[in-house]
PDB file of N, CA and C in Angstrom:
ATOM      1  N   UNK A   1      14.083   7.617 -22.975  1.00  0.00           N
ATOM      2  CA  UNK A   1      15.227   8.424 -22.482  1.00  0.00           C
ATOM      3  C   UNK A   1      16.028   7.561 -21.409  1.00  0.00           C
ATOM      4  N   UNK A   2      17.410   7.536 -21.653  1.00  0.00           N
ATOM      5  CA  UNK A   2      18.173   6.706 -20.848  1.00  0.00           C
ATOM      6  C   UNK A   2      18.313   7.297 -19.407  1.00  0.00           C
ATOM      7  N   UNK A   3      18.443   6.444 -18.400  1.00  0.00           N
ATOM      8  CA  UNK A   3      18.420   6.927 -17.073  1.00  0.00           C
ATOM      9  C   UNK A   3      19.199   5.844 -16.227  1.00  0.00           C
ATOM     10  N   UNK A   4      19.764   6.231 -15.039  1.00  0.00           N
ATOM     11  CA  UNK A   4      20.389   5.378 -14.166  1.00  0.00           C
ATOM     12  C   UNK A   4      19.737   5.414 -12.835  1.00  0.00           C
ATOM     13  N   UNK A   5      19.595   4.252 -12.252  1.00  0.00           N
ATOM     14  CA  UNK A   5      18.852   4.075 -10.944  1.00  0.00           C
ATOM     15  C   UNK A   5      19.955   4.239  -9.794  1.00  0.00           C
ATOM     16  N   UNK A   6      19.608   5.162  -8.949  1.00  0.00           N
ATOM     17  CA  UNK A   6      20.491   5.371  -7.720  1.00  0.00           C
ATOM     18  C   UNK A   6      19.650   5.248  -6.523  1.00  0.00           C
ATOM     19  N   UNK A   7      20.293   5.154  -5.300  1.00  0.00           N
ATOM     20  CA  UNK A   7      19.591   5.013  -4.079  1.00  0.00           C
ATOM     21  C   UNK A   7      20.183   6.003  -2.963  1.00  0.00           C
ATOM     22  N   UNK A   8      19.314   6.431  -2.132  1.00  0.00           N
ATOM     23  CA  UNK A   8      19.827   7.215  -1.038  1.00  0.00           C
ATOM     24  C   UNK A   8      19.120   6.775   0.214  1.00  0.00           C
ATOM     25  N   UNK A   9      19.944   6.511   1.312  1.00  0.00           N
ATOM     26  CA  UNK A   9      19.457   6.143   2.600  1.00  0.00           C
ATOM     27  C   UNK A   9      19.264   7.468   3.303  1.00  0.00           C
ATOM     28  N   UNK A  10      18.002   7.604   3.810  1.00  0.00           N
ATOM     29  CA  UNK A  10      17.618   8.890   4.546  1.00  0.00           C
ATOM     30  C   UNK A  10      17.036   8.681   5.859  1.00  0.00           C
ATOM     31  N   UNK A  11      17.090   9.652   6.759  1.00  0.00           N
ATOM     32  CA  UNK A  11      16.423   9.562   8.072  1.00  0.00           C
ATOM     33  C   UNK A  11      14.984  10.205   7.895  1.00  0.00           C
ATOM     34  N   UNK A  12      14.310  10.268   8.995  1.00  0.00           N
ATOM     35  CA  UNK A  12      12.978  10.858   9.060  1.00  0.00           C
ATOM     36  C   UNK A  12      12.937  12.203   8.567  1.00  0.00           C
ATOM     37  N   UNK A  13      13.813  13.034   9.039  1.00  0.00           N
ATOM     38  CA  UNK A  13      13.620  14.542   8.791  1.00  0.00           C
ATOM     39  C   UNK A  13      14.028  14.834   7.280  1.00  0.00           C
ATOM     40  N   UNK A  14      15.019  14.089   6.734  1.00  0.00           N
ATOM     41  CA  UNK A  14      15.274  14.354   5.363  1.00  0.00           C
ATOM     42  C   UNK A  14      14.105  13.703   4.522  1.00  0.00           C
ATOM     43  N   UNK A  15      13.498  12.654   4.972  1.00  0.00           N
ATOM     44  CA  UNK A  15      12.358  12.128   4.083  1.00  0.00           C
ATOM     45  C   UNK A  15      11.184  13.037   4.193  1.00  0.00           C
ATOM     46  N   UNK A  16      10.947  13.745   5.384  1.00  0.00           N
ATOM     47  CA  UNK A  16       9.822  14.724   5.315  1.00  0.00           C
ATOM     48  C   UNK A  16      10.026  15.747   4.409  1.00  0.00           C
ATOM     49  N   UNK A  17      11.273  16.437   4.248  1.00  0.00           N
ATOM     50  CA  UNK A  17      11.719  17.381   3.418  1.00  0.00           C
ATOM     51  C   UNK A  17      11.470  16.986   1.921  1.00  0.00           C
ATOM     52  N   UNK A  18      11.840  15.659   1.588  1.00  0.00           N
ATOM     53  CA  UNK A  18      11.607  15.106   0.301  1.00  0.00           C
ATOM     54  C   UNK A  18      10.061  15.095  -0.012  1.00  0.00           C
ATOM     55  N   UNK A  19       9.335  14.673   1.012  1.00  0.00           N
ATOM     56  CA  UNK A  19       7.869  14.611   0.770  1.00  0.00           C
ATOM     57  C   UNK A  19       7.363  16.029   0.511  1.00  0.00           C
ATOM     58  N   UNK A  20       7.750  17.052   1.254  1.00  0.00           N
ATOM     59  CA  UNK A  20       7.388  18.298   1.019  1.00  0.00           C
ATOM     60  C   UNK A  20       7.667  18.897  -0.319  1.00  0.00           C
ATOM     61  N   UNK A  21       8.576  18.359  -1.018  1.00  0.00           N
ATOM     62  CA  UNK A  21       8.860  18.755  -2.282  1.00  0.00           C
ATOM     63  C   UNK A  21       8.095  17.983  -3.447  1.00  0.00           C
ATOM     64  N   UNK A  22       7.161  17.183  -2.883  1.00  0.00           N
ATOM     65  CA  UNK A  22       6.419  16.369  -3.871  1.00  0.00           C
ATOM     66  C   UNK A  22       7.079  15.180  -4.326  1.00  0.00           C
ATOM     67  N   UNK A  23       8.251  14.827  -3.570  1.00  0.00           N
ATOM     68  CA  UNK A  23       9.124  13.660  -4.059  1.00  0.00           C
ATOM     69  C   UNK A  23       9.787  14.043  -5.294  1.00  0.00           C
ATOM     70  N   UNK A  24      10.223  15.298  -5.517  1.00  0.00           N
ATOM     71  CA  UNK A  24      10.770  15.768  -6.698  1.00  0.00           C
ATOM     72  C   UNK A  24      12.336  16.248  -6.468  1.00  0.00           C
ATOM     73  N   UNK A  25      12.656  16.362  -5.221  1.00  0.00           N
ATOM     74  CA  UNK A  25      14.061  16.984  -4.982  1.00  0.00           C
ATOM     75  C   UNK A  25      14.539  16.588  -3.570  1.00  0.00           C
ATOM     76  N   UNK A  26      15.873  16.480  -3.577  1.00  0.00           N
ATOM     77  CA  UNK A  26      16.445  16.198  -2.174  1.00  0.00           C
ATOM     78  C   UNK A  26      16.794  17.669  -1.550  1.00  0.00           C
ATOM     79  N   UNK A  27      16.673  17.743  -0.248  1.00  0.00           N
ATOM     80  CA  UNK A  27      16.784  19.072   0.409  1.00  0.00           C
ATOM     81  C   UNK A  27      18.371  19.489   0.341  1.00  0.00           C
ATOM     82  N   UNK A  28      18.508  20.849   0.499  1.00  0.00           N
ATOM     83  CA  UNK A  28      19.916  21.282   0.591  1.00  0.00           C
ATOM     84  C   UNK A  28      20.597  20.676   1.708  1.00  0.00           C
ATOM     85  N   UNK A  29      21.860  20.560   1.650  1.00  0.00           N
ATOM     86  CA  UNK A  29      22.754  20.044   2.690  1.00  0.00           C
ATOM     87  C   UNK A  29      22.776  21.060   3.778  1.00  0.00           C
ATOM     88  N   UNK A  30      23.043  20.443   4.994  1.00  0.00           N
ATOM     89  CA  UNK A  30      23.331  21.325   6.151  1.00  0.00           C
ATOM     90  C   UNK A  30      24.745  21.891   6.161  1.00  0.00           C
ATOM     91  N   UNK A  31      25.068  22.755   7.015  1.00  0.00           N
ATOM     92  CA  UNK A  31      26.373  23.332   6.884  1.00  0.00           C
ATOM     93  C   UNK A  31      27.459  22.266   7.146  1.00  0.00           C
ATOM     94  N   UNK A  32      27.225  21.243   7.953  1.00  0.00           N
ATOM     95  CA  UNK A  32      28.349  20.271   8.110  1.00  0.00           C
ATOM     96  C   UNK A  32      28.266  19.083   7.192  1.00  0.00           C
ATOM     97  N   UNK A  33      27.387  19.259   6.155  1.00  0.00           N
ATOM     98  CA  UNK A  33      27.438  18.111   5.061  1.00  0.00           C
ATOM     99  C   UNK A  33      27.942  18.704   3.727  1.00  0.00           C
ATOM    100  N   UNK A  34      29.138  18.658   3.514  1.00  0.00           N
ATOM    101  CA  UNK A  34      29.746  19.207   2.315  1.00  0.00           C
ATOM    102  C   UNK A  34      29.445  18.423   0.943  1.00  0.00           C
ATOM    103  N   UNK A  35      28.977  17.118   1.080  1.00  0.00           N
ATOM    104  CA  UNK A  35      28.633  16.469   0.004  1.00  0.00           C
ATOM    105  C   UNK A  35      27.250  15.799   0.044  1.00  0.00           C
ATOM    106  N   UNK A  36      26.604  15.466  -1.039  1.00  0.00           N
ATOM    107  CA  UNK A  36      25.437  14.637  -1.115  1.00  0.00           C
ATOM    108  C   UNK A  36      25.906  13.369  -1.765  1.00  0.00           C
ATOM    109  N   UNK A  37      25.621  12.145  -1.108  1.00  0.00           N
ATOM    110  CA  UNK A  37      26.206  10.968  -1.700  1.00  0.00           C
ATOM    111  C   UNK A  37      25.044   9.858  -1.931  1.00  0.00           C
ATOM    112  N   UNK A  38      24.570   9.851  -3.162  1.00  0.00           N
ATOM    113  CA  UNK A  38      23.732   8.740  -3.538  1.00  0.00           C
ATOM    114  C   UNK A  38      24.567   7.570  -3.778  1.00  0.00           C
ATOM    115  N   UNK A  39      23.984   6.424  -3.388  1.00  0.00           N
ATOM    116  CA  UNK A  39      24.802   5.169  -3.459  1.00  0.00           C
ATOM    117  C   UNK A  39      24.308   4.352  -4.579  1.00  0.00           C
ATOM    118  N   UNK A  40      25.227   3.446  -5.024  1.00  0.00           N
ATOM    119  CA  UNK A  40      24.994   2.746  -6.304  1.00  0.00           C
ATOM    120  C   UNK A  40      24.316   1.366  -6.297  1.00  0.00           C
ATOM    121  N   UNK A  41      24.020   0.887  -5.044  1.00  0.00           N
ATOM    122  CA  UNK A  41      23.088  -0.362  -5.079  1.00  0.00           C
ATOM    123  C   UNK A  41      22.270  -0.294  -3.816  1.00  0.00           C
ATOM    124  N   UNK A  42      21.208  -0.968  -3.883  1.00  0.00           N
ATOM    125  CA  UNK A  42      20.154  -0.979  -2.845  1.00  0.00           C
ATOM    126  C   UNK A  42      20.652  -1.664  -1.509  1.00  0.00           C
ATOM    127  N   UNK A  43      21.559  -2.661  -1.771  1.00  0.00           N
ATOM    128  CA  UNK A  43      21.919  -3.407  -0.488  1.00  0.00           C
ATOM    129  C   UNK A  43      22.717  -2.437   0.377  1.00  0.00           C
ATOM    130  N   UNK A  44      23.560  -1.661  -0.095  1.00  0.00           N
ATOM    131  CA  UNK A  44      24.387  -0.690   0.563  1.00  0.00           C
ATOM    132  C   UNK A  44      23.411   0.341   1.279  1.00  0.00           C
ATOM    133  N   UNK A  45      22.392   0.909   0.464  1.00  0.00           N
ATOM    134  CA  UNK A  45      21.401   1.821   1.024  1.00  0.00           C
ATOM    135  C   UNK A  45      20.741   1.219   2.166  1.00  0.00           C
ATOM    136  N   UNK A  46      20.315  -0.045   1.960  1.00  0.00           N
ATOM    137  CA  UNK A  46      19.536  -0.722   3.015  1.00  0.00           C
ATOM    138  C   UNK A  46      20.430  -0.848   4.275  1.00  0.00           C
ATOM    139  N   UNK A  47      21.663  -1.157   4.146  1.00  0.00           N
ATOM    140  CA  UNK A  47      22.560  -1.384   5.231  1.00  0.00           C
ATOM    141  C   UNK A  47      22.640  -0.021   6.067  1.00  0.00           C
ATOM    142  N   UNK A  48      22.782   1.184   5.327  1.00  0.00           N
ATOM    143  CA  UNK A  48      22.918   2.355   6.149  1.00  0.00           C
ATOM    144  C   UNK A  48      21.508   2.655   6.824  1.00  0.00           C
ATOM    145  N   UNK A  49      20.562   2.530   5.946  1.00  0.00           N
ATOM    146  CA  UNK A  49      19.173   2.932   6.545  1.00  0.00           C
ATOM    147  C   UNK A  49      18.801   2.017   7.791  1.00  0.00           C
ATOM    148  N   UNK A  50      18.947   0.775   7.666  1.00  0.00           N
ATOM    149  CA  UNK A  50      18.648  -0.088   8.810  1.00  0.00           C
ATOM    150  C   UNK A  50      19.620  -0.139   9.916  1.00  0.00           C
ATOM    151  N   UNK A  51      20.952  -0.139   9.589  1.00  0.00           N
ATOM    152  CA  UNK A  51      21.931  -0.403  10.675  1.00  0.00           C
ATOM    153  C   UNK A  51      22.526   0.827  11.342  1.00  0.00           C
ATOM    154  N   UNK A  52      22.282   2.083  10.637  1.00  0.00           N
ATOM    155  CA  UNK A  52      22.847   3.328  11.118  1.00  0.00           C
ATOM    156  C   UNK A  52      21.714   4.336  11.418  1.00  0.00           C
ATOM    157  N   UNK A  53      20.775   4.582  10.517  1.00  0.00           N
ATOM    158  CA  UNK A  53      19.859   5.610  10.714  1.00  0.00           C
ATOM    159  C   UNK A  53      18.905   5.253  11.879  1.00  0.00           C
ATOM    160  N   UNK A  54      18.633   4.072  12.037  1.00  0.00           N
ATOM    161  CA  UNK A  54      17.571   3.618  13.107  1.00  0.00           C
ATOM    162  C   UNK A  54      18.140   3.747  14.475  1.00  0.00           C
ATOM    163  N   UNK A  55      19.471   3.910  14.610  1.00  0.00           N
ATOM    164  CA  UNK A  55      20.202   4.107  15.882  1.00  0.00           C
ATOM    165  C   UNK A  55      20.613   5.584  16.123  1.00  0.00           C
ATOM    166  N   UNK A  56      20.209   6.478  15.167  1.00  0.00           N
ATOM    167  CA  UNK A  56      20.787   7.880  15.174  1.00  0.00           C
ATOM    168  C   UNK A  56      19.548   8.818  15.425  1.00  0.00           C
ATOM    169  N   UNK A  57      19.794   9.612  16.522  1.00  0.00           N
ATOM    170  CA  UNK A  57      18.780  10.584  16.938  1.00  0.00           C
ATOM    171  C   UNK A  57      18.521  11.654  15.821  1.00  0.00           C
ATOM    172  N   UNK A  58      19.640  12.050  15.198  1.00  0.00           N
ATOM    173  CA  UNK A  58      19.643  13.062  14.098  1.00  0.00           C
ATOM    174  C   UNK A  58      18.733  12.524  12.872  1.00  0.00           C
ATOM    175  N   UNK A  59      18.555  11.186  12.814  1.00  0.00           N
ATOM    176  CA  UNK A  59      17.795  10.600  11.791  1.00  0.00           C
ATOM    177  C   UNK A  59      16.370  10.315  12.305  1.00  0.00           C
ATOM    178  N   UNK A  60      15.986  10.765  13.472  1.00  0.00           N
ATOM    179  CA  UNK A  60      14.724  10.432  14.041  1.00  0.00           C
ATOM    180  C   UNK A  60      14.532   8.911  14.333  1.00  0.00           C
ATOM    181  N   UNK A  61      15.718   8.174  14.472  1.00  0.00           N
ATOM    182  CA  UNK A  61      15.568   6.698  14.711  1.00  0.00           C
ATOM    183  C   UNK A  61      14.880   5.956  13.640  1.00  0.00           C
ATOM    184  N   UNK A  62      14.993   6.494  12.442  1.00  0.00           N
ATOM    185  CA  UNK A  62      14.195   5.870  11.305  1.00  0.00           C
ATOM    186  C   UNK A  62      15.111   5.898  10.089  1.00  0.00           C
ATOM    187  N   UNK A  63      15.148   4.875   9.231  1.00  0.00           N
ATOM    188  CA  UNK A  63      15.839   4.945   8.186  1.00  0.00           C
ATOM    189  C   UNK A  63      14.932   4.478   6.934  1.00  0.00           C
ATOM    190  N   UNK A  64      15.148   5.108   5.764  1.00  0.00           N
ATOM    191  CA  UNK A  64      14.369   4.853   4.598  1.00  0.00           C
ATOM    192  C   UNK A  64      15.321   4.659   3.411  1.00  0.00           C
ATOM    193  N   UNK A  65      15.053   3.669   2.556  1.00  0.00           N
ATOM    194  CA  UNK A  65      15.686   3.613   1.231  1.00  0.00           C
ATOM    195  C   UNK A  65      14.960   4.253   0.225  1.00  0.00           C
ATOM    196  N   UNK A  66      15.528   5.237  -0.440  1.00  0.00           N
ATOM    197  CA  UNK A  66      14.905   5.923  -1.577  1.00  0.00           C
ATOM    198  C   UNK A  66      15.623   5.413  -2.842  1.00  0.00           C
ATOM    199  N   UNK A  67      14.862   5.479  -3.877  1.00  0.00           N
ATOM    200  CA  UNK A  67      15.416   5.115  -5.213  1.00  0.00           C
ATOM    201  C   UNK A  67      14.904   6.134  -6.231  1.00  0.00           C
ATOM    202  N   UNK A  68      15.667   6.525  -7.137  1.00  0.00           N
ATOM    203  CA  UNK A  68      15.458   7.573  -8.077  1.00  0.00           C
ATOM    204  C   UNK A  68      16.345   7.334  -9.317  1.00  0.00           C
ATOM    205  N   UNK A  69      15.845   7.933 -10.321  1.00  0.00           N
ATOM    206  CA  UNK A  69      16.535   7.835 -11.710  1.00  0.00           C
ATOM    207  C   UNK A  69      17.111   9.216 -12.004  1.00  0.00           C
ATOM    208  N   UNK A  70      18.166   9.142 -12.623  1.00  0.00           N
ATOM    209  CA  UNK A  70      19.057  10.286 -12.878  1.00  0.00           C
ATOM    210  C   UNK A  70      19.649  10.172 -14.399  1.00  0.00           C
ATOM    211  N   UNK A  71      19.723  11.285 -15.075  1.00  0.00           N
ATOM    212  CA  UNK A  71      20.339  11.362 -16.382  1.00  0.00           C
ATOM    213  C   UNK A  71      21.803  10.851 -16.363  1.00  0.00           C
ATOM    214  N   UNK A  72      22.064   9.729 -17.014  1.00  0.00           N
ATOM    215  CA  UNK A  72      23.432   9.134 -16.844  1.00  0.00           C
ATOM    216  C   UNK A  72      24.562  10.067 -17.497  1.00  0.00           C
ATOM    217  N   UNK A  73      24.197  10.851 -18.473  1.00  0.00           N
ATOM    218  CA  UNK A  73      25.210  11.711 -19.106  1.00  0.00           C
ATOM    219  C   UNK A  73      25.607  12.773 -18.107  1.00  0.00           C
ATOM    220  N   UNK A  74      24.652  13.361 -17.378  1.00  0.00           N
ATOM    221  CA  UNK A  74      24.982  14.196 -16.208  1.00  0.00           C
ATOM    222  C   UNK A  74      25.945  13.438 -15.195  1.00  0.00           C
ATOM    223  N   UNK A  75      25.566  12.201 -14.793  1.00  0.00           N
ATOM    224  CA  UNK A  75      26.347  11.546 -13.760  1.00  0.00           C
ATOM    225  C   UNK A  75      27.808  11.157 -14.158  1.00  0.00           C
ATOM    226  N   UNK A  76      28.000  11.158 -15.508  1.00  0.00           N
ATOM    227  CA  UNK A  76      29.346  10.753 -15.912  1.00  0.00           C
ATOM    228  C   UNK A  76      30.472  11.708 -15.329  1.00  0.00           C
ATOM    229  N   UNK A  77      30.198  12.783 -15.008  1.00  0.00           N
ATOM    230  CA  UNK A  77      31.239  13.817 -14.464  1.00  0.00           C
ATOM    231  C   UNK A  77      31.716  13.370 -13.043  1.00  0.00           C
ATOM    232  N   UNK A  78      30.950  12.535 -12.390  1.00  0.00           N
ATOM    233  CA  UNK A  78      31.317  12.110 -11.012  1.00  0.00           C
ATOM    234  C   UNK A  78      31.937  10.707 -10.981  1.00  0.00           C
ATOM    235  N   UNK A  79      32.990  10.517 -10.306  1.00  0.00           N
ATOM    236  CA  UNK A  79      33.702   9.357 -10.229  1.00  0.00           C
ATOM    237  C   UNK A  79      33.091   8.606  -9.128  1.00  0.00           C
ATOM    238  N   UNK A  80      33.009   7.284  -9.329  1.00  0.00           N
ATOM    239  CA  UNK A  80      32.544   6.302  -8.136  1.00  0.00           C
ATOM    240  C   UNK A  80      33.521   6.272  -7.116  1.00  0.00           C
ATOM    241  N   UNK A  81      33.029   6.358  -5.916  1.00  0.00           N
ATOM    242  CA  UNK A  81      33.909   6.346  -4.630  1.00  0.00           C
ATOM    243  C   UNK A  81      33.616   5.039  -4.051  1.00  0.00           C
ATOM    244  N   UNK A  82      34.655   4.332  -3.748  1.00  0.00           N
ATOM    245  CA  UNK A  82      34.608   3.152  -2.950  1.00  0.00           C
ATOM    246  C   UNK A  82      35.026   3.408  -1.476  1.00  0.00           C
ATOM    247  N   UNK A  83      33.987   3.268  -0.563  1.00  0.00           N
ATOM    248  CA  UNK A  83      34.248   3.682   0.763  1.00  0.00           C
ATOM    249  C   UNK A  83      34.287   2.668   1.758  1.00  0.00           C
ATOM    250  N   UNK A  84      34.478   1.373   1.387  1.00  0.00           N
ATOM    251  CA  UNK A  84      34.568   0.305   2.399  1.00  0.00           C
ATOM    252  C   UNK A  84      34.687  -0.958   1.426  1.00  0.00           C
ATOM    253  N   UNK A  85      33.855  -1.899   1.664  1.00  0.00           N
ATOM    254  CA  UNK A  85      33.796  -3.086   0.983  1.00  0.00           C
ATOM    255  C   UNK A  85      33.331  -2.927  -0.443  1.00  0.00           C
ATOM    256  N   UNK A  86      33.505  -3.863  -1.290  1.00  0.00           N
ATOM    257  CA  UNK A  86      33.191  -3.709  -2.769  1.00  0.00           C
ATOM    258  C   UNK A  86      31.829  -3.121  -3.066  1.00  0.00           C
ATOM    259  N   UNK A  87      30.759  -3.434  -2.291  1.00  0.00           N
ATOM    260  CA  UNK A  87      29.496  -2.896  -2.536  1.00  0.00           C
ATOM    261  C   UNK A  87      29.204  -1.544  -1.897  1.00  0.00           C
ATOM    262  N   UNK A  88      30.190  -1.027  -1.261  1.00  0.00           N
ATOM    263  CA  UNK A  88      30.105   0.307  -0.653  1.00  0.00           C
ATOM    264  C   UNK A  88      30.633   1.371  -1.664  1.00  0.00           C
ATOM    265  N   UNK A  89      29.931   1.477  -2.693  1.00  0.00           N
ATOM    266  CA  UNK A  89      30.157   2.520  -3.727  1.00  0.00           C
ATOM    267  C   UNK A  89      29.130   3.569  -3.785  1.00  0.00           C
ATOM    268  N   UNK A  90      29.588   4.889  -3.967  1.00  0.00           N
ATOM    269  CA  UNK A  90      28.724   6.046  -3.918  1.00  0.00           C
ATOM    270  C   UNK A  90      29.282   7.094  -4.807  1.00  0.00           C
ATOM    271  N   UNK A  91      28.475   8.033  -5.145  1.00  0.00           N
ATOM    272  CA  UNK A  91      28.935   9.165  -5.833  1.00  0.00           C
ATOM    273  C   UNK A  91      29.021  10.405  -4.869  1.00  0.00           C
ATOM    274  N   UNK A  92      29.912  11.290  -5.080  1.00  0.00           N
ATOM    275  CA  UNK A  92      29.917  12.472  -4.195  1.00  0.00           C
ATOM    276  C   UNK A  92      29.596  13.673  -5.037  1.00  0.00           C
ATOM    277  N   UNK A  93      28.523  14.357  -4.707  1.00  0.00           N
ATOM    278  CA  UNK A  93      27.974  15.533  -5.259  1.00  0.00           C
ATOM    279  C   UNK A  93      28.271  16.652  -4.417  1.00  0.00           C
ATOM    280  N   UNK A  94      29.133  17.625  -4.822  1.00  0.00           N
ATOM    281  CA  UNK A  94      29.340  18.776  -3.958  1.00  0.00           C
ATOM    282  C   UNK A  94      27.928  19.422  -3.556  1.00  0.00           C
ATOM    283  N   UNK A  95      27.839  19.749  -2.200  1.00  0.00           N
ATOM    284  CA  UNK A  95      26.564  20.306  -1.691  1.00  0.00           C
ATOM    285  C   UNK A  95      26.085  21.475  -2.560  1.00  0.00           C
ATOM    286  N   UNK A  96      26.917  22.333  -3.007  1.00  0.00           N
ATOM    287  CA  UNK A  96      26.515  23.556  -3.772  1.00  0.00           C
ATOM    288  C   UNK A  96      25.883  23.131  -5.203  1.00  0.00           C
ATOM    289  N   UNK A  97      26.240  21.932  -5.612  1.00  0.00           N
ATOM    290  CA  UNK A  97      25.597  21.397  -6.851  1.00  0.00           C
ATOM    291  C   UNK A  97      24.345  20.602  -6.797  1.00  0.00           C
ATOM    292  N   UNK A  98      23.766  20.534  -5.542  1.00  0.00           N
ATOM    293  CA  UNK A  98      22.656  19.696  -5.335  1.00  0.00           C
ATOM    294  C   UNK A  98      21.474  20.204  -6.126  1.00  0.00           C
ATOM    295  N   UNK A  99      21.212  21.422  -6.351  1.00  0.00           N
ATOM    296  CA  UNK A  99      20.086  21.959  -7.159  1.00  0.00           C
ATOM    297  C   UNK A  99      20.230  21.556  -8.621  1.00  0.00           C
ATOM    298  N   UNK A 100      21.452  21.469  -9.074  1.00  0.00           N
ATOM    299  CA  UNK A 100      21.627  20.985 -10.421  1.00  0.00           C
ATOM    300  C   UNK A 100      21.437  19.449 -10.511  1.00  0.00           C
ATOM    301  N   UNK A 101      21.886  18.730  -9.550  1.00  0.00           N
ATOM    302  CA  UNK A 101      21.675  17.298  -9.574  1.00  0.00           C
ATOM    303  C   UNK A 101      20.115  17.075  -9.460  1.00  0.00           C
ATOM    304  N   UNK A 102      19.297  17.815  -8.637  1.00  0.00           N
ATOM    305  CA  UNK A 102      17.860  17.672  -8.656  1.00  0.00           C
ATOM    306  C   UNK A 102      17.166  17.867 -10.020  1.00  0.00           C
ATOM    307  N   UNK A 103      17.732  18.775 -10.669  1.00  0.00           N
ATOM    308  CA  UNK A 103      17.221  19.070 -12.050  1.00  0.00           C
ATOM    309  C   UNK A 103      17.442  17.973 -13.030  1.00  0.00           C
ATOM    310  N   UNK A 104      18.399  17.070 -12.745  1.00  0.00           N
ATOM    311  CA  UNK A 104      18.605  15.945 -13.518  1.00  0.00           C
ATOM    312  C   UNK A 104      17.893  14.672 -13.172  1.00  0.00           C
ATOM    313  N   UNK A 105      17.064  14.692 -12.128  1.00  0.00           N
ATOM    314  CA  UNK A 105      16.308  13.592 -11.661  1.00  0.00           C
ATOM    315  C   UNK A 105      15.266  13.230 -12.799  1.00  0.00           C
ATOM    316  N   UNK A 106      14.969  12.008 -13.022  1.00  0.00           N
ATOM    317  CA  UNK A 106      14.043  11.614 -14.005  1.00  0.00           C
ATOM    318  C   UNK A 106      12.757  10.866 -13.274  1.00  0.00           C
ATOM    319  N   UNK A 107      11.804  11.657 -13.077  1.00  0.00           N
ATOM    320  CA  UNK A 107      10.634  11.094 -12.232  1.00  0.00           C
ATOM    321  C   UNK A 107      10.762  11.375 -10.914  1.00  0.00           C
ATOM    322  N   UNK A 108       9.970  10.637 -10.046  1.00  0.00           N
ATOM    323  CA  UNK A 108       9.860  10.954  -8.622  1.00  0.00           C
ATOM    324  C   UNK A 108      10.858  10.115  -7.836  1.00  0.00           C
ATOM    325  N   UNK A 109      11.241  10.670  -6.749  1.00  0.00           N
ATOM    326  CA  UNK A 109      11.909   9.908  -5.692  1.00  0.00           C
ATOM    327  C   UNK A 109      10.960   8.879  -4.971  1.00  0.00           C
ATOM    328  N   UNK A 110      11.351   7.713  -5.001  1.00  0.00           N
ATOM    329  CA  UNK A 110      10.382   6.568  -4.374  1.00  0.00           C
ATOM    330  C   UNK A 110      10.946   6.107  -3.113  1.00  0.00           C
ATOM    331  N   UNK A 111      10.034   5.781  -2.194  1.00  0.00           N
ATOM    332  CA  UNK A 111      10.485   5.313  -0.903  1.00  0.00           C
ATOM    333  C   UNK A 111      10.294   3.648  -1.078  1.00  0.00           C
ATOM    334  N   UNK A 112      11.407   2.982  -0.966  1.00  0.00           N
ATOM    335  CA  UNK A 112      11.433   1.517  -1.245  1.00  0.00           C
ATOM    336  C   UNK A 112      11.262   0.676  -0.058  1.00  0.00           C
ATOM    337  N   UNK A 113      11.885   0.982   1.029  1.00  0.00           N
ATOM    338  CA  UNK A 113      11.821   0.315   2.344  1.00  0.00           C
ATOM    339  C   UNK A 113      12.001   1.318   3.392  1.00  0.00           C
ATOM    340  N   UNK A 114      11.489   0.986   4.515  1.00  0.00           N
ATOM    341  CA  UNK A 114      11.586   1.782   5.791  1.00  0.00           C
ATOM    342  C   UNK A 114      11.876   0.896   6.975  1.00  0.00           C
ATOM    343  N   UNK A 115      12.861   1.398   7.847  1.00  0.00           N
ATOM    344  CA  UNK A 115      13.169   0.646   9.012  1.00  0.00           C
ATOM    345  C   UNK A 115      13.042   1.595  10.266  1.00  0.00           C
ATOM    346  N   UNK A 116      12.554   1.033  11.327  1.00  0.00           N
ATOM    347  CA  UNK A 116      12.243   1.887  12.506  1.00  0.00           C
ATOM    348  C   UNK A 116      13.129   1.300  13.647  1.00  0.00           C
ATOM    349  N   UNK A 117      13.831   2.161  14.358  1.00  0.00           N
ATOM    350  CA  UNK A 117      14.607   1.752  15.446  1.00  0.00           C
ATOM    351  C   UNK A 117      13.757   1.650  16.741  1.00  0.00           C
ATOM    352  N   UNK A 118      14.295   1.112  17.769  1.00  0.00           N
ATOM    353  CA  UNK A 118      13.584   0.943  19.051  1.00  0.00           C
ATOM    354  C   UNK A 118      13.121   2.269  19.681  1.00  0.00           C
ATOM    355  N   UNK A 119      13.952   3.249  19.418  1.00  0.00           N
ATOM    356  CA  UNK A 119      13.517   4.507  20.104  1.00  0.00           C
ATOM    357  C   UNK A 119      12.677   5.528  19.153  1.00  0.00           C
ATOM    358  N   UNK A 120      12.256   4.900  18.064  1.00  0.00           N
ATOM    359  CA  UNK A 120      11.443   5.788  17.164  1.00  0.00           C
ATOM    360  C   UNK A 120      10.108   6.148  17.801  1.00  0.00           C
ATOM    361  N   UNK A 121       9.678   7.383  17.749  1.00  0.00           N
ATOM    362  CA  UNK A 121       8.472   7.801  18.466  1.00  0.00           C
ATOM    363  C   UNK A 121       7.465   8.486  17.581  1.00  0.00           C
ATOM    364  N   UNK A 122       7.706   8.548  16.253  1.00  0.00           N
ATOM    365  CA  UNK A 122       6.674   9.162  15.440  1.00  0.00           C
ATOM    366  C   UNK A 122       5.649   8.297  14.896  1.00  0.00           C
ATOM    367  N   UNK A 123       5.030   8.830  13.898  1.00  0.00           N
ATOM    368  CA  UNK A 123       4.047   8.105  13.231  1.00  0.00           C
ATOM    369  C   UNK A 123       4.623   7.232  12.132  1.00  0.00           C
ATOM    370  N   UNK A 124       4.325   5.997  12.076  1.00  0.00           N
ATOM    371  CA  UNK A 124       4.869   5.052  11.074  1.00  0.00           C
ATOM    372  C   UNK A 124       4.084   5.095   9.745  1.00  0.00           C
ATOM    373  N   UNK A 125       4.154   6.240   9.143  1.00  0.00           N
ATOM    374  CA  UNK A 125       3.233   6.550   7.949  1.00  0.00           C
ATOM    375  C   UNK A 125       3.919   6.244   6.817  1.00  0.00           C
ATOM    376  N   UNK A 126       5.308   6.032   6.686  1.00  0.00           N
ATOM    377  CA  UNK A 126       6.047   5.622   5.538  1.00  0.00           C
ATOM    378  C   UNK A 126       5.847   4.227   5.154  1.00  0.00           C
TER     379      UNK A 126
END
């Protein structure tokens, strides 16, 4: 079965919710998050996780790069969004469609890399 590899930079609290799902689903977006944005390359995901999430209290001062496979036929309906430099490419999935997106995941969500900020105070279990 054909699949496309995507990445998602997440903070501690989102990663905990992913783990609670058995690494099978991304959690629903919060009220102030109208889109879910998987990114198209690991370097971009790493940049967000390392340089942003580790400095953000709402991310628990931790950033993780997750990788996952998705049905490419399903993804074809979403245009790639360029949000900065050439490597800053992502897809914008409307928050209300996240359950459908999760249904098109192929296999488990994998944690590839984890970064901890200076203010991280949790257990470094990831």
